[in-house]
Protein backbone atom coordinates (compact mmCIF):
# COMPACT_ATOMS: atom_id res chain seq x y z
CA UNK A 1 127.95 114.05 -0.06
CA UNK A 2 125.73 111.02 -0.55
CA UNK A 3 122.26 111.26 0.89
CA UNK A 4 120.24 108.28 1.91
CA UNK A 5 116.55 108.24 2.64
CA UNK A 6 115.76 106.31 5.80
CA UNK A 7 112.03 107.09 5.69
CA UNK A 8 111.11 103.55 4.50
CA UNK A 9 112.64 102.25 7.71
CA UNK A 10 110.44 104.61 9.73
CA UNK A 11 107.34 103.52 7.76
CA UNK A 12 107.81 99.76 7.97
CA UNK A 13 109.45 99.28 11.34
CA UNK A 14 108.40 99.98 14.87
CA UNK A 15 111.00 101.10 17.40
CA UNK A 16 113.90 101.49 14.96
CA UNK A 17 114.03 105.28 15.34
CA UNK A 18 117.28 105.15 17.29
CA UNK A 19 118.96 102.92 14.70
CA UNK A 20 117.96 105.18 11.82
CA UNK A 21 119.09 108.31 13.66
CA UNK A 22 122.41 106.63 14.48
CA UNK A 23 122.94 105.73 10.80
CA UNK A 24 122.05 109.26 9.71
CA UNK A 25 124.45 110.79 12.26
CA UNK A 26 127.24 108.45 11.14
CA UNK A 27 126.77 109.43 7.51
CA UNK A 28 126.60 113.11 8.43
CA UNK A 29 129.92 112.95 10.31
CA UNK A 30 131.72 110.70 7.84
CA UNK A 31 132.83 113.69 5.76
CA UNK A 32 134.36 115.46 8.74
CA UNK A 33 137.98 115.21 9.80
CA UNK A 34 138.42 111.73 11.23
CA UNK A 35 139.85 111.53 14.72
CA UNK A 36 142.45 108.78 14.58
CA UNK A 37 144.13 109.27 17.92
CA UNK A 38 144.54 107.45 20.20
CA UNK A 39 144.37 104.14 18.36
CA UNK A 40 142.04 101.51 19.81
CA UNK A 41 140.80 97.93 19.47
CA UNK A 42 137.34 96.55 20.10
CA UNK A 43 137.27 92.85 21.01
CA UNK A 44 134.53 90.34 21.65
CA UNK A 45 135.82 88.44 24.68
CA UNK A 46 132.81 86.19 25.26
CA UNK A 47 129.25 85.61 24.14
CA UNK A 48 128.02 88.79 25.83
CA UNK A 49 131.29 90.46 26.86
CA UNK A 50 133.50 92.97 25.08
CA UNK A 51 136.65 95.00 25.67
CA UNK A 52 137.81 98.32 24.26
CA UNK A 53 141.57 98.88 24.48
CA UNK A 54 143.07 102.32 23.86
CA UNK A 55 146.79 103.04 23.45
CA UNK A 56 147.35 105.87 25.94
CA UNK A 57 151.11 105.72 26.47
CA UNK A 58 152.38 108.58 28.60
CA UNK A 59 149.02 109.24 30.31
CA UNK A 60 149.02 108.56 34.04
CA UNK A 61 145.82 107.19 35.57
CA UNK A 62 144.83 110.56 37.06
CA UNK A 63 144.88 112.22 33.58
CA UNK A 64 142.34 109.71 32.19
CA UNK A 65 138.57 109.82 32.63
CA UNK A 66 136.03 107.16 31.62
CA UNK A 67 132.38 108.25 31.72
CA UNK A 68 129.11 106.63 30.64
CA UNK A 69 126.20 108.96 29.97
CA UNK A 70 122.99 107.45 28.59
CA UNK A 71 124.27 105.06 25.88
CA UNK A 72 127.49 106.95 25.19
CA UNK A 73 130.91 105.92 26.53
CA UNK A 74 133.35 108.85 26.61
CA UNK A 75 137.05 108.34 27.27
CA UNK A 76 139.07 111.50 27.88
CA UNK A 77 142.75 112.08 28.31
CA UNK A 78 143.48 115.51 29.77
CA UNK A 79 147.18 115.98 29.31
CA UNK A 80 148.54 118.90 31.24
CA UNK A 81 151.20 120.51 29.05
CA UNK A 82 154.79 120.17 30.13
CA UNK A 83 156.70 123.32 31.00
CA UNK A 84 157.32 125.20 27.77
CA UNK A 85 155.55 122.52 25.68
CA UNK A 86 153.27 125.00 23.90
CA UNK A 87 156.21 127.18 22.94
CA UNK A 88 158.50 124.37 21.74
CA UNK A 89 157.31 124.51 18.11
CA UNK A 90 157.77 128.27 18.00
CA UNK A 91 161.26 128.10 19.56
CA UNK A 92 162.87 125.95 16.83
CA UNK A 93 162.18 122.74 18.74
CA UNK A 94 163.64 123.91 22.05
CA UNK A 95 161.71 123.00 25.18
CA UNK A 96 163.47 123.89 28.37
CA UNK A 97 166.76 121.97 28.30
CA UNK A 98 165.63 119.78 25.38
CA UNK A 99 165.86 120.39 21.66
CA UNK A 100 163.60 118.16 19.59
CA UNK A 101 164.73 117.24 16.10
CA UNK A 102 161.56 115.20 15.61
CA UNK A 103 158.46 115.05 17.81
CA UNK A 104 156.49 111.93 17.02
CA UNK A 105 155.04 111.30 20.47
CA UNK A 106 151.73 113.08 20.87
CA UNK A 107 151.40 115.29 23.94
CA UNK A 108 147.81 116.30 23.38
CA UNK A 109 144.51 115.77 25.12
CA UNK A 110 141.81 113.65 23.51
CA UNK A 111 138.18 112.59 23.79
CA UNK A 112 136.96 109.33 22.23
CA UNK A 113 133.23 108.55 21.99
CA UNK A 114 131.71 105.08 21.65
CA UNK A 115 127.99 104.61 21.09
CA UNK A 116 126.83 101.67 23.21
CA UNK A 117 124.06 99.28 22.20
CA UNK A 118 121.04 98.75 24.41
CA UNK A 119 121.72 96.89 27.67
CA UNK A 120 125.52 97.36 27.48
CA UNK A 121 127.11 97.95 30.87
CA UNK A 122 130.67 99.11 31.52
CA UNK A 123 132.04 96.80 34.20
CA UNK A 124 135.55 98.18 34.67
CA UNK A 125 138.63 99.94 33.37
CA UNK A 126 142.25 98.88 33.77
CA UNK A 127 145.47 100.72 32.83
CA UNK A 128 148.59 98.62 32.25
CA UNK A 129 151.69 99.21 30.11
CA UNK A 130 150.17 102.24 28.40
CA UNK A 131 146.97 100.39 27.42
CA UNK A 132 143.62 101.37 28.88
CA UNK A 133 141.21 98.43 28.70
CA UNK A 134 137.51 99.03 29.33
CA UNK A 135 135.37 95.92 29.85
CA UNK A 136 131.72 95.79 28.88
CA UNK A 137 128.93 93.23 29.29
CA UNK A 138 125.55 92.96 27.62
CA UNK A 139 123.02 92.42 30.42
CA UNK A 140 119.58 91.88 28.91
CA UNK A 141 116.90 92.21 31.60
CA UNK A 142 114.35 89.41 31.94
CA UNK A 143 111.58 91.72 30.72
CA UNK A 144 113.45 92.20 27.41
CA UNK A 145 114.22 88.53 26.77
CA UNK A 146 112.05 86.57 24.32
CA UNK A 147 108.95 85.03 25.84
CA UNK A 148 106.18 82.81 24.55
CA UNK A 149 102.74 84.37 24.17
CA UNK A 150 99.80 81.98 24.39
CA UNK A 151 97.09 82.39 21.79
CA UNK A 152 93.61 82.30 23.22
CA UNK A 153 90.63 81.02 21.27
CA UNK A 154 86.95 81.38 21.93
CA UNK A 155 85.66 78.46 23.93
CA UNK A 156 83.54 76.17 21.80
CA UNK A 157 80.44 75.00 23.54
CA UNK A 158 78.60 71.91 22.50
CA UNK A 159 74.81 72.03 22.46
CA UNK A 160 73.62 70.33 25.58
CA UNK A 161 71.44 67.28 25.21
CA UNK A 162 68.00 68.15 26.42
């Protein structure tokens, strides 16, 4: 495993703690088994708007859950197993009245996590044709927008004529 030292970032920057911790966590988890299901796209749909689309074919709306906690977006699909689904692999592919020769359609639950940047707000979720689209907008508050700071100087006084 490669190790990177982020301490120079902590020494020379102010307020980048979250960024450095995020980079460290990403590197730490990069060696773990990658979760590749369900597939998803992340799109930039405008200057400050985004969309995440997940392929969730076979999941009805009531089996999906979209939750935002702090700066973490969690999308869960809780698939209730079909009758005999858990035993199908052990019964030579038989499941009730069906006998599977190949099972390529996933019937499993999932949880996908997306780390959101500061000021990102989830504005909605829409399920259509097996695609769950979550819309996001960056809403920077006025207090966080750039502002001009005036530089004050000491008032110069001229000697008065006496």
